[in-house]
């Protein structure tokens, strides 16, 4: 089942939140609609803390959730390697759970 939610990357505006190309540029995640589709079951992205933005400091979308702020995740146990944070010791996505924090 697909769930439609507000785009977290642009906060539902449909516009590029960083005005990189111009003030009227479309959001790269929702393509200007302000809404995104996520396959259920849905869990908040722990890697980007549900912001949809790459936590490594760049103005790009999260490399785990693709900028959606949410992930399709059927696991219900915290990852033993990252302990549910989704991050490895170097700040990159955990290799065991793929950055989702659940297995």
PDB file of N, CA and C in Angstrom:
ATOM      1  N   UNK A   1       0.838  -1.174   0.000  1.00  0.00           N
ATOM      2  CA  UNK A   1       0.000   0.000   0.000  1.00  0.00           C
ATOM      3  C   UNK A   1       0.888   1.245   0.000  1.00  0.00           C
ATOM      4  N   UNK A   2       0.495   2.245  -0.732  1.00  0.00           N
ATOM      5  CA  UNK A   2       1.240   3.489  -0.870  1.00  0.00           C
ATOM      6  C   UNK A   2       0.588   4.575  -0.005  1.00  0.00           C
ATOM      7  N   UNK A   3       1.419   5.312   0.713  1.00  0.00           N
ATOM      8  CA  UNK A   3       0.952   6.425   1.530  1.00  0.00           C
ATOM      9  C   UNK A   3       1.459   7.716   0.909  1.00  0.00           C
ATOM     10  N   UNK A   4       0.586   8.702   0.778  1.00  0.00           N
ATOM     11  CA  UNK A   4       0.969  10.001   0.227  1.00  0.00           C
ATOM     12  C   UNK A   4       1.122  10.973   1.390  1.00  0.00           C
ATOM     13  N   UNK A   5       2.313  11.590   1.469  1.00  0.00           N
ATOM     14  CA  UNK A   5       2.604  12.516   2.561  1.00  0.00           C
ATOM     15  C   UNK A   5       3.225  13.798   2.022  1.00  0.00           C
ATOM     16  N   UNK A   6       3.269  14.804   2.875  1.00  0.00           N
ATOM     17  CA  UNK A   6       3.878  16.084   2.506  1.00  0.00           C
ATOM     18  C   UNK A   6       5.380  15.893   2.330  1.00  0.00           C
ATOM     19  N   UNK A   7       5.931  16.490   1.306  1.00  0.00           N
ATOM     20  CA  UNK A   7       7.364  16.402   1.050  1.00  0.00           C
ATOM     21  C   UNK A   7       8.125  17.103   2.176  1.00  0.00           C
ATOM     22  N   UNK A   8       9.015  16.371   2.829  1.00  0.00           N
ATOM     23  CA  UNK A   8       9.774  16.960   3.930  1.00  0.00           C
ATOM     24  C   UNK A   8      10.951  17.790   3.428  1.00  0.00           C
ATOM     25  N   UNK A   9      11.470  17.481   2.260  1.00  0.00           N
ATOM     26  CA  UNK A   9      12.623  18.201   1.734  1.00  0.00           C
ATOM     27  C   UNK A   9      12.286  19.669   1.480  1.00  0.00           C
ATOM     28  N   UNK A  10      11.123  19.920   0.893  1.00  0.00           N
ATOM     29  CA  UNK A  10      10.712  21.302   0.605  1.00  0.00           C
ATOM     30  C   UNK A  10       9.615  21.781   1.543  1.00  0.00           C
ATOM     31  N   UNK A  11       9.256  20.961   2.512  1.00  0.00           N
ATOM     32  CA  UNK A  11       8.185  21.264   3.468  1.00  0.00           C
ATOM     33  C   UNK A  11       6.843  21.494   2.773  1.00  0.00           C
ATOM     34  N   UNK A  12       6.627  20.768   1.684  1.00  0.00           N
ATOM     35  CA  UNK A  12       5.356  20.823   0.976  1.00  0.00           C
ATOM     36  C   UNK A  12       5.168  22.013   0.054  1.00  0.00           C
ATOM     37  N   UNK A  13       6.199  22.829  -0.133  1.00  0.00           N
ATOM     38  CA  UNK A  13       6.056  24.008  -1.002  1.00  0.00           C
ATOM     39  C   UNK A  13       6.185  23.670  -2.476  1.00  0.00           C
ATOM     40  N   UNK A  14       6.905  22.585  -2.775  1.00  0.00           N
ATOM     41  CA  UNK A  14       7.138  22.204  -4.161  1.00  0.00           C
ATOM     42  C   UNK A  14       8.287  22.951  -4.803  1.00  0.00           C
ATOM     43  N   UNK A  15       8.928  23.833  -4.048  1.00  0.00           N
ATOM     44  CA  UNK A  15      10.031  24.631  -4.581  1.00  0.00           C
ATOM     45  C   UNK A  15      11.360  24.198  -3.975  1.00  0.00           C
ATOM     46  N   UNK A  16      12.414  24.435  -4.700  1.00  0.00           N
ATOM     47  CA  UNK A  16      13.760  24.134  -4.224  1.00  0.00           C
ATOM     48  C   UNK A  16      14.012  24.930  -2.938  1.00  0.00           C
ATOM     49  N   UNK A  17      14.233  24.255  -1.804  1.00  0.00           N
ATOM     50  CA  UNK A  17      14.391  24.983  -0.545  1.00  0.00           C
ATOM     51  C   UNK A  17      15.674  25.808  -0.460  1.00  0.00           C
ATOM     52  N   UNK A  18      16.604  25.586  -1.367  1.00  0.00           N
ATOM     53  CA  UNK A  18      17.867  26.312  -1.333  1.00  0.00           C
ATOM     54  C   UNK A  18      17.994  27.350  -2.446  1.00  0.00           C
ATOM     55  N   UNK A  19      16.996  27.445  -3.326  1.00  0.00           N
ATOM     56  CA  UNK A  19      17.038  28.374  -4.460  1.00  0.00           C
ATOM     57  C   UNK A  19      18.349  28.270  -5.228  1.00  0.00           C
ATOM     58  N   UNK A  20      18.801  27.044  -5.459  1.00  0.00           N
ATOM     59  CA  UNK A  20      20.097  26.850  -6.114  1.00  0.00           C
ATOM     60  C   UNK A  20      20.117  27.361  -7.547  1.00  0.00           C
ATOM     61  N   UNK A  21      19.113  27.025  -8.319  1.00  0.00           N
ATOM     62  CA  UNK A  21      19.090  27.478  -9.714  1.00  0.00           C
ATOM     63  C   UNK A  21      18.355  28.797  -9.858  1.00  0.00           C
ATOM     64  N   UNK A  22      17.196  28.890  -9.233  1.00  0.00           N
ATOM     65  CA  UNK A  22      16.427  30.134  -9.233  1.00  0.00           C
ATOM     66  C   UNK A  22      15.357  30.031  -8.161  1.00  0.00           C
ATOM     67  N   UNK A  23      14.704  31.116  -7.888  1.00  0.00           N
ATOM     68  CA  UNK A  23      13.662  31.145  -6.857  1.00  0.00           C
ATOM     69  C   UNK A  23      12.417  30.352  -7.266  1.00  0.00           C
ATOM     70  N   UNK A  24      12.298  30.035  -8.555  1.00  0.00           N
ATOM     71  CA  UNK A  24      11.125  29.296  -9.012  1.00  0.00           C
ATOM     72  C   UNK A  24      11.443  27.829  -9.358  1.00  0.00           C
ATOM     73  N   UNK A  25      12.627  27.360  -9.022  1.00  0.00           N
ATOM     74  CA  UNK A  25      13.006  25.973  -9.309  1.00  0.00           C
ATOM     75  C   UNK A  25      12.149  25.003  -8.507  1.00  0.00           C
ATOM     76  N   UNK A  26      11.813  23.876  -9.130  1.00  0.00           N
ATOM     77  CA  UNK A  26      11.023  22.842  -8.464  1.00  0.00           C
ATOM     78  C   UNK A  26      11.882  22.036  -7.493  1.00  0.00           C
ATOM     79  N   UNK A  27      11.243  21.494  -6.493  1.00  0.00           N
ATOM     80  CA  UNK A  27      11.891  20.596  -5.537  1.00  0.00           C
ATOM     81  C   UNK A  27      12.349  19.341  -6.280  1.00  0.00           C
ATOM     82  N   UNK A  28      13.567  18.900  -5.993  1.00  0.00           N
ATOM     83  CA  UNK A  28      14.104  17.723  -6.680  1.00  0.00           C
ATOM     84  C   UNK A  28      13.499  16.412  -6.171  1.00  0.00           C
ATOM     85  N   UNK A  29      12.879  16.442  -5.017  1.00  0.00           N
ATOM     86  CA  UNK A  29      12.313  15.220  -4.443  1.00  0.00           C
ATOM     87  C   UNK A  29      10.877  14.996  -4.922  1.00  0.00           C
ATOM     88  N   UNK A  30      10.037  16.010  -4.822  1.00  0.00           N
ATOM     89  CA  UNK A  30       8.623  15.846  -5.190  1.00  0.00           C
ATOM     90  C   UNK A  30       8.298  16.377  -6.580  1.00  0.00           C
ATOM     91  N   UNK A  31       9.294  16.916  -7.266  1.00  0.00           N
ATOM     92  CA  UNK A  31       9.128  17.471  -8.614  1.00  0.00           C
ATOM     93  C   UNK A  31       8.066  18.580  -8.656  1.00  0.00           C
ATOM     94  N   UNK A  32       7.987  19.341  -7.571  1.00  0.00           N
ATOM     95  CA  UNK A  32       7.097  20.488  -7.552  1.00  0.00           C
ATOM     96  C   UNK A  32       5.693  20.239  -7.054  1.00  0.00           C
ATOM     97  N   UNK A  33       5.355  18.999  -6.706  1.00  0.00           N
ATOM     98  CA  UNK A  33       3.989  18.702  -6.269  1.00  0.00           C
ATOM     99  C   UNK A  33       3.757  18.986  -4.787  1.00  0.00           C
ATOM    100  N   UNK A  34       4.820  18.958  -3.991  1.00  0.00           N
ATOM    101  CA  UNK A  34       4.675  19.141  -2.545  1.00  0.00           C
ATOM    102  C   UNK A  34       4.271  17.872  -1.825  1.00  0.00           C
ATOM    103  N   UNK A  35       4.071  16.802  -2.557  1.00  0.00           N
ATOM    104  CA  UNK A  35       3.657  15.509  -1.976  1.00  0.00           C
ATOM    105  C   UNK A  35       4.565  14.399  -2.500  1.00  0.00           C
ATOM    106  N   UNK A  36       4.740  13.370  -1.680  1.00  0.00           N
ATOM    107  CA  UNK A  36       5.545  12.214  -2.084  1.00  0.00           C
ATOM    108  C   UNK A  36       4.809  10.926  -1.744  1.00  0.00           C
ATOM    109  N   UNK A  37       5.162   9.873  -2.446  1.00  0.00           N
ATOM    110  CA  UNK A  37       4.605   8.545  -2.200  1.00  0.00           C
ATOM    111  C   UNK A  37       5.634   7.709  -1.453  1.00  0.00           C
ATOM    112  N   UNK A  38       5.186   7.023  -0.404  1.00  0.00           N
ATOM    113  CA  UNK A  38       6.052   6.131   0.353  1.00  0.00           C
ATOM    114  C   UNK A  38       5.303   4.825   0.552  1.00  0.00           C
ATOM    115  N   UNK A  39       6.004   3.734   0.271  1.00  0.00           N
ATOM    116  CA  UNK A  39       5.395   2.418   0.444  1.00  0.00           C
ATOM    117  C   UNK A  39       5.321   2.074   1.932  1.00  0.00           C
ATOM    118  N   UNK A  40       4.154   1.633   2.387  1.00  0.00           N
ATOM    119  CA  UNK A  40       3.987   1.236   3.787  1.00  0.00           C
ATOM    120  C   UNK A  40       4.524  -0.176   3.998  1.00  0.00           C
ATOM    121  N   UNK A  41       4.983  -0.529   5.175  1.00  0.00           N
ATOM    122  CA  UNK A  41       5.041   0.250   6.405  1.00  0.00           C
ATOM    123  C   UNK A  41       6.106   1.333   6.330  1.00  0.00           C
ATOM    124  N   UNK A  42       5.775   2.494   6.885  1.00  0.00           N
ATOM    125  CA  UNK A  42       6.623   3.681   6.816  1.00  0.00           C
ATOM    126  C   UNK A  42       7.208   3.981   8.190  1.00  0.00           C
ATOM    127  N   UNK A  43       8.498   4.302   8.206  1.00  0.00           N
ATOM    128  CA  UNK A  43       9.157   4.734   9.442  1.00  0.00           C
ATOM    129  C   UNK A  43       9.956   5.991   9.139  1.00  0.00           C
ATOM    130  N   UNK A  44      10.056   6.862  10.134  1.00  0.00           N
ATOM    131  CA  UNK A  44      10.838   8.083   9.969  1.00  0.00           C
ATOM    132  C   UNK A  44      12.290   7.722   9.699  1.00  0.00           C
ATOM    133  N   UNK A  45      12.924   8.483   8.833  1.00  0.00           N
ATOM    134  CA  UNK A  45      14.322   8.240   8.511  1.00  0.00           C
ATOM    135  C   UNK A  45      15.192   8.701   9.677  1.00  0.00           C
ATOM    136  N   UNK A  46      15.906   7.756  10.280  1.00  0.00           N
ATOM    137  CA  UNK A  46      16.764   8.100  11.409  1.00  0.00           C
ATOM    138  C   UNK A  46      18.072   8.708  10.945  1.00  0.00           C
ATOM    139  N   UNK A  47      18.478   8.441   9.724  1.00  0.00           N
ATOM    140  CA  UNK A  47      19.747   8.970   9.232  1.00  0.00           C
ATOM    141  C   UNK A  47      19.698  10.490   9.097  1.00  0.00           C
ATOM    142  N   UNK A  48      18.608  11.027   8.557  1.00  0.00           N
ATOM    143  CA  UNK A  48      18.494  12.482   8.368  1.00  0.00           C
ATOM    144  C   UNK A  48      17.586  13.126   9.413  1.00  0.00           C
ATOM    145  N   UNK A  49      17.131  12.346  10.379  1.00  0.00           N
ATOM    146  CA  UNK A  49      16.214  12.840  11.423  1.00  0.00           C
ATOM    147  C   UNK A  49      14.931  13.416  10.825  1.00  0.00           C
ATOM    148  N   UNK A  50      14.440  12.770   9.782  1.00  0.00           N
ATOM    149  CA  UNK A  50      13.179  13.094   9.118  1.00  0.00           C
ATOM    150  C   UNK A  50      13.189  14.438   8.392  1.00  0.00           C
ATOM    151  N   UNK A  51      14.354  15.008   8.136  1.00  0.00           N
ATOM    152  CA  UNK A  51      14.414  16.296   7.435  1.00  0.00           C
ATOM    153  C   UNK A  51      14.428  16.132   5.921  1.00  0.00           C
ATOM    154  N   UNK A  52      14.881  14.965   5.452  1.00  0.00           N
ATOM    155  CA  UNK A  52      15.018  14.731   4.024  1.00  0.00           C
ATOM    156  C   UNK A  52      16.307  15.293   3.461  1.00  0.00           C
ATOM    157  N   UNK A  53      17.095  15.930   4.315  1.00  0.00           N
ATOM    158  CA  UNK A  53      18.344  16.567   3.876  1.00  0.00           C
ATOM    159  C   UNK A  53      19.540  15.760   4.331  1.00  0.00           C
ATOM    160  N   UNK A  54      20.565  15.760   3.524  1.00  0.00           N
ATOM    161  CA  UNK A  54      21.771  15.000   3.827  1.00  0.00           C
ATOM    162  C   UNK A  54      22.416  15.561   5.095  1.00  0.00           C
ATOM    163  N   UNK A  55      22.566  14.747   6.136  1.00  0.00           N
ATOM    164  CA  UNK A  55      23.142  15.245   7.389  1.00  0.00           C
ATOM    165  C   UNK A  55      24.643  15.509   7.311  1.00  0.00           C
ATOM    166  N   UNK A  56      25.255  15.196   6.200  1.00  0.00           N
ATOM    167  CA  UNK A  56      26.689  15.403   6.063  1.00  0.00           C
ATOM    168  C   UNK A  56      27.008  16.844   5.649  1.00  0.00           C
ATOM    169  N   UNK A  57      26.012  17.704   5.631  1.00  0.00           N
ATOM    170  CA  UNK A  57      26.231  19.121   5.440  1.00  0.00           C
ATOM    171  C   UNK A  57      26.029  19.676   4.051  1.00  0.00           C
ATOM    172  N   UNK A  58      25.704  18.870   3.094  1.00  0.00           N
ATOM    173  CA  UNK A  58      25.523  19.401   1.748  1.00  0.00           C
ATOM    174  C   UNK A  58      24.049  19.717   1.482  1.00  0.00           C
ATOM    175  N   UNK A  59      23.804  20.478   0.456  1.00  0.00           N
ATOM    176  CA  UNK A  59      22.437  20.879   0.128  1.00  0.00           C
ATOM    177  C   UNK A  59      21.778  19.884  -0.819  1.00  0.00           C
ATOM    178  N   UNK A  60      21.920  18.632  -0.524  1.00  0.00           N
ATOM    179  CA  UNK A  60      21.295  17.591  -1.342  1.00  0.00           C
ATOM    180  C   UNK A  60      20.386  16.744  -0.475  1.00  0.00           C
ATOM    181  N   UNK A  61      19.611  15.918  -1.120  1.00  0.00           N
ATOM    182  CA  UNK A  61      18.680  15.076  -0.383  1.00  0.00           C
ATOM    183  C   UNK A  61      19.416  13.951   0.345  1.00  0.00           C
ATOM    184  N   UNK A  62      18.771  13.426   1.354  1.00  0.00           N
ATOM    185  CA  UNK A  62      19.327  12.341   2.163  1.00  0.00           C
ATOM    186  C   UNK A  62      19.632  11.132   1.289  1.00  0.00           C
ATOM    187  N   UNK A  63      20.784  10.531   1.514  1.00  0.00           N
ATOM    188  CA  UNK A  63      21.197   9.386   0.704  1.00  0.00           C
ATOM    189  C   UNK A  63      20.523   8.086   1.129  1.00  0.00           C
ATOM    190  N   UNK A  64      19.816   8.095   2.241  1.00  0.00           N
ATOM    191  CA  UNK A  64      19.113   6.887   2.695  1.00  0.00           C
ATOM    192  C   UNK A  64      17.657   6.915   2.249  1.00  0.00           C
ATOM    193  N   UNK A  65      16.957   8.008   2.494  1.00  0.00           N
ATOM    194  CA  UNK A  65      15.527   8.071   2.158  1.00  0.00           C
ATOM    195  C   UNK A  65      15.241   8.775   0.840  1.00  0.00           C
ATOM    196  N   UNK A  66      16.272   9.285   0.182  1.00  0.00           N
ATOM    197  CA  UNK A  66      16.083   9.988  -1.083  1.00  0.00           C
ATOM    198  C   UNK A  66      15.420  11.341  -0.927  1.00  0.00           C
ATOM    199  N   UNK A  67      15.452  11.887   0.292  1.00  0.00           N
ATOM    200  CA  UNK A  67      14.864  13.197   0.542  1.00  0.00           C
ATOM    201  C   UNK A  67      13.444  13.151   1.065  1.00  0.00           C
ATOM    202  N   UNK A  68      12.880  11.977   1.169  1.00  0.00           N
ATOM    203  CA  UNK A  68      11.493  11.858   1.603  1.00  0.00           C
ATOM    204  C   UNK A  68      11.303  12.043   3.106  1.00  0.00           C
ATOM    205  N   UNK A  69      12.341  11.756   3.887  1.00  0.00           N
ATOM    206  CA  UNK A  69      12.215  11.860   5.338  1.00  0.00           C
ATOM    207  C   UNK A  69      11.643  10.602   5.965  1.00  0.00           C
ATOM    208  N   UNK A  70      11.209   9.675   5.129  1.00  0.00           N
ATOM    209  CA  UNK A  70      10.622   8.414   5.581  1.00  0.00           C
ATOM    210  C   UNK A  70      11.181   7.270   4.747  1.00  0.00           C
ATOM    211  N   UNK A  71      11.200   6.086   5.335  1.00  0.00           N
ATOM    212  CA  UNK A  71      11.666   4.893   4.637  1.00  0.00           C
ATOM    213  C   UNK A  71      10.636   3.786   4.737  1.00  0.00           C
ATOM    214  N   UNK A  72      10.581   2.973   3.716  1.00  0.00           N
ATOM    215  CA  UNK A  72       9.826   1.728   3.789  1.00  0.00           C
ATOM    216  C   UNK A  72      10.688   0.769   4.603  1.00  0.00           C
ATOM    217  N   UNK A  73      10.179   0.297   5.713  1.00  0.00           N
ATOM    218  CA  UNK A  73      10.980  -0.552   6.590  1.00  0.00           C
ATOM    219  C   UNK A  73      10.083  -1.571   7.273  1.00  0.00           C
ATOM    220  N   UNK A  74      10.292  -2.832   6.950  1.00  0.00           N
ATOM    221  CA  UNK A  74       9.490  -3.884   7.555  1.00  0.00           C
ATOM    222  C   UNK A  74      10.114  -4.434   8.833  1.00  0.00           C
ATOM    223  N   UNK A  75      11.377  -4.066   9.097  1.00  0.00           N
ATOM    224  CA  UNK A  75      12.051  -4.526  10.308  1.00  0.00           C
ATOM    225  C   UNK A  75      11.457  -3.907  11.553  1.00  0.00           C
ATOM    226  N   UNK A  76      11.577  -4.622  12.659  1.00  0.00           N
ATOM    227  CA  UNK A  76      11.037  -4.085  13.896  1.00  0.00           C
ATOM    228  C   UNK A  76      12.039  -4.155  15.055  1.00  0.00           C
ATOM    229  N   UNK A  77      13.290  -4.478  14.725  1.00  0.00           N
ATOM    230  CA  UNK A  77      14.319  -4.545  15.749  1.00  0.00           C
ATOM    231  C   UNK A  77      15.430  -3.565  15.397  1.00  0.00           C
ATOM    232  N   UNK A  78      15.967  -2.902  16.430  1.00  0.00           N
ATOM    233  CA  UNK A  78      17.091  -1.998  16.199  1.00  0.00           C
ATOM    234  C   UNK A  78      18.276  -2.769  15.648  1.00  0.00           C
ATOM    235  N   UNK A  79      18.974  -2.152  14.740  1.00  0.00           N
ATOM    236  CA  UNK A  79      20.178  -2.745  14.155  1.00  0.00           C
ATOM    237  C   UNK A  79      21.222  -2.917  15.254  1.00  0.00           C
ATOM    238  N   UNK A  80      21.836  -4.093  15.309  1.00  0.00           N
ATOM    239  CA  UNK A  80      22.834  -4.360  16.346  1.00  0.00           C
ATOM    240  C   UNK A  80      24.141  -3.623  16.079  1.00  0.00           C
ATOM    241  N   UNK A  81      24.400  -3.284  14.838  1.00  0.00           N
ATOM    242  CA  UNK A  81      25.663  -2.621  14.495  1.00  0.00           C
ATOM    243  C   UNK A  81      25.637  -1.127  14.843  1.00  0.00           C
ATOM    244  N   UNK A  82      24.557  -0.429  14.477  1.00  0.00           N
ATOM    245  CA  UNK A  82      24.483   1.019  14.727  1.00  0.00           C
ATOM    246  C   UNK A  82      23.595   1.360  15.922  1.00  0.00           C
ATOM    247  N   UNK A  83      22.968   0.350  16.503  1.00  0.00           N
ATOM    248  CA  UNK A  83      22.078   0.521  17.657  1.00  0.00           C
ATOM    249  C   UNK A  83      20.896   1.448  17.364  1.00  0.00           C
ATOM    250  N   UNK A  84      20.422   1.392  16.123  1.00  0.00           N
ATOM    251  CA  UNK A  84      19.234   2.145  15.730  1.00  0.00           C
ATOM    252  C   UNK A  84      19.475   3.562  15.253  1.00  0.00           C
ATOM    253  N   UNK A  85      20.730   4.007  15.213  1.00  0.00           N
ATOM    254  CA  UNK A  85      21.013   5.383  14.780  1.00  0.00           C
ATOM    255  C   UNK A  85      21.044   5.524  13.267  1.00  0.00           C
ATOM    256  N   UNK A  86      21.296   4.432  12.563  1.00  0.00           N
ATOM    257  CA  UNK A  86      21.415   4.467  11.105  1.00  0.00           C
ATOM    258  C   UNK A  86      22.783   4.920  10.627  1.00  0.00           C
ATOM    259  N   UNK A  87      23.670   5.276  11.565  1.00  0.00           N
ATOM    260  CA  UNK A  87      24.983   5.810  11.194  1.00  0.00           C
ATOM    261  C   UNK A  87      26.109   4.917  11.700  1.00  0.00           C
ATOM    262  N   UNK A  88      27.151   4.816  10.885  1.00  0.00           N
ATOM    263  CA  UNK A  88      28.355   4.111  11.316  1.00  0.00           C
ATOM    264  C   UNK A  88      29.242   5.099  12.073  1.00  0.00           C
ATOM    265  N   UNK A  89      30.339   4.636  12.589  1.00  0.00           N
ATOM    266  CA  UNK A  89      31.212   5.490  13.406  1.00  0.00           C
ATOM    267  C   UNK A  89      31.786   6.675  12.618  1.00  0.00           C
ATOM    268  N   UNK A  90      31.843   6.565  11.287  1.00  0.00           N
ATOM    269  CA  UNK A  90      32.366   7.672  10.477  1.00  0.00           C
ATOM    270  C   UNK A  90      31.273   8.631   9.991  1.00  0.00           C
ATOM    271  N   UNK A  91      30.033   8.422  10.427  1.00  0.00           N
ATOM    272  CA  UNK A  91      28.932   9.304  10.062  1.00  0.00           C
ATOM    273  C   UNK A  91      28.199   8.924   8.798  1.00  0.00           C
ATOM    274  N   UNK A  92      28.700   7.925   8.092  1.00  0.00           N
ATOM    275  CA  UNK A  92      28.045   7.437   6.880  1.00  0.00           C
ATOM    276  C   UNK A  92      26.937   6.461   7.257  1.00  0.00           C
ATOM    277  N   UNK A  93      26.056   6.100   6.307  1.00  0.00           N
ATOM    278  CA  UNK A  93      25.008   5.129   6.623  1.00  0.00           C
ATOM    279  C   UNK A  93      25.591   3.791   7.074  1.00  0.00           C
ATOM    280  N   UNK A  94      24.953   3.194   8.053  1.00  0.00           N
ATOM    281  CA  UNK A  94      25.341   1.891   8.562  1.00  0.00           C
ATOM    282  C   UNK A  94      25.305   0.864   7.428  1.00  0.00           C
ATOM    283  N   UNK A  95      26.317   0.039   7.335  1.00  0.00           N
ATOM    284  CA  UNK A  95      26.377  -0.947   6.248  1.00  0.00           C
ATOM    285  C   UNK A  95      25.463  -2.144   6.501  1.00  0.00           C
ATOM    286  N   UNK A  96      25.114  -2.396   7.742  1.00  0.00           N
ATOM    287  CA  UNK A  96      24.271  -3.562   8.042  1.00  0.00           C
ATOM    288  C   UNK A  96      22.794  -3.283   7.714  1.00  0.00           C
ATOM    289  N   UNK A  97      22.290  -2.108   8.117  1.00  0.00           N
ATOM    290  CA  UNK A  97      20.869  -1.801   7.915  1.00  0.00           C
ATOM    291  C   UNK A  97      20.626  -0.817   6.771  1.00  0.00           C
ATOM    292  N   UNK A  98      21.687  -0.347   6.136  1.00  0.00           N
ATOM    293  CA  UNK A  98      21.549   0.607   5.037  1.00  0.00           C
ATOM    294  C   UNK A  98      21.155   2.004   5.495  1.00  0.00           C
ATOM    295  N   UNK A  99      21.352   2.287   6.777  1.00  0.00           N
ATOM    296  CA  UNK A  99      21.023   3.611   7.307  1.00  0.00           C
ATOM    297  C   UNK A  99      19.634   3.729   7.867  1.00  0.00           C
ATOM    298  N   UNK A 100      18.845   2.654   7.812  1.00  0.00           N
ATOM    299  CA  UNK A 100      17.459   2.718   8.306  1.00  0.00           C
ATOM    300  C   UNK A 100      17.348   2.525   9.815  1.00  0.00           C
ATOM    301  N   UNK A 101      18.384   1.953  10.439  1.00  0.00           N
ATOM    302  CA  UNK A 101      18.374   1.755  11.882  1.00  0.00           C
ATOM    303  C   UNK A 101      17.600   0.531  12.334  1.00  0.00           C
ATOM    304  N   UNK A 102      16.905  -0.118  11.433  1.00  0.00           N
ATOM    305  CA  UNK A 102      16.094  -1.301  11.770  1.00  0.00           C
ATOM    306  C   UNK A 102      16.471  -2.479  10.874  1.00  0.00           C
ATOM    307  N   UNK A 103      16.352  -3.671  11.443  1.00  0.00           N
ATOM    308  CA  UNK A 103      16.554  -4.884  10.645  1.00  0.00           C
ATOM    309  C   UNK A 103      15.405  -5.842  10.852  1.00  0.00           C
TER     310      UNK A 103
END
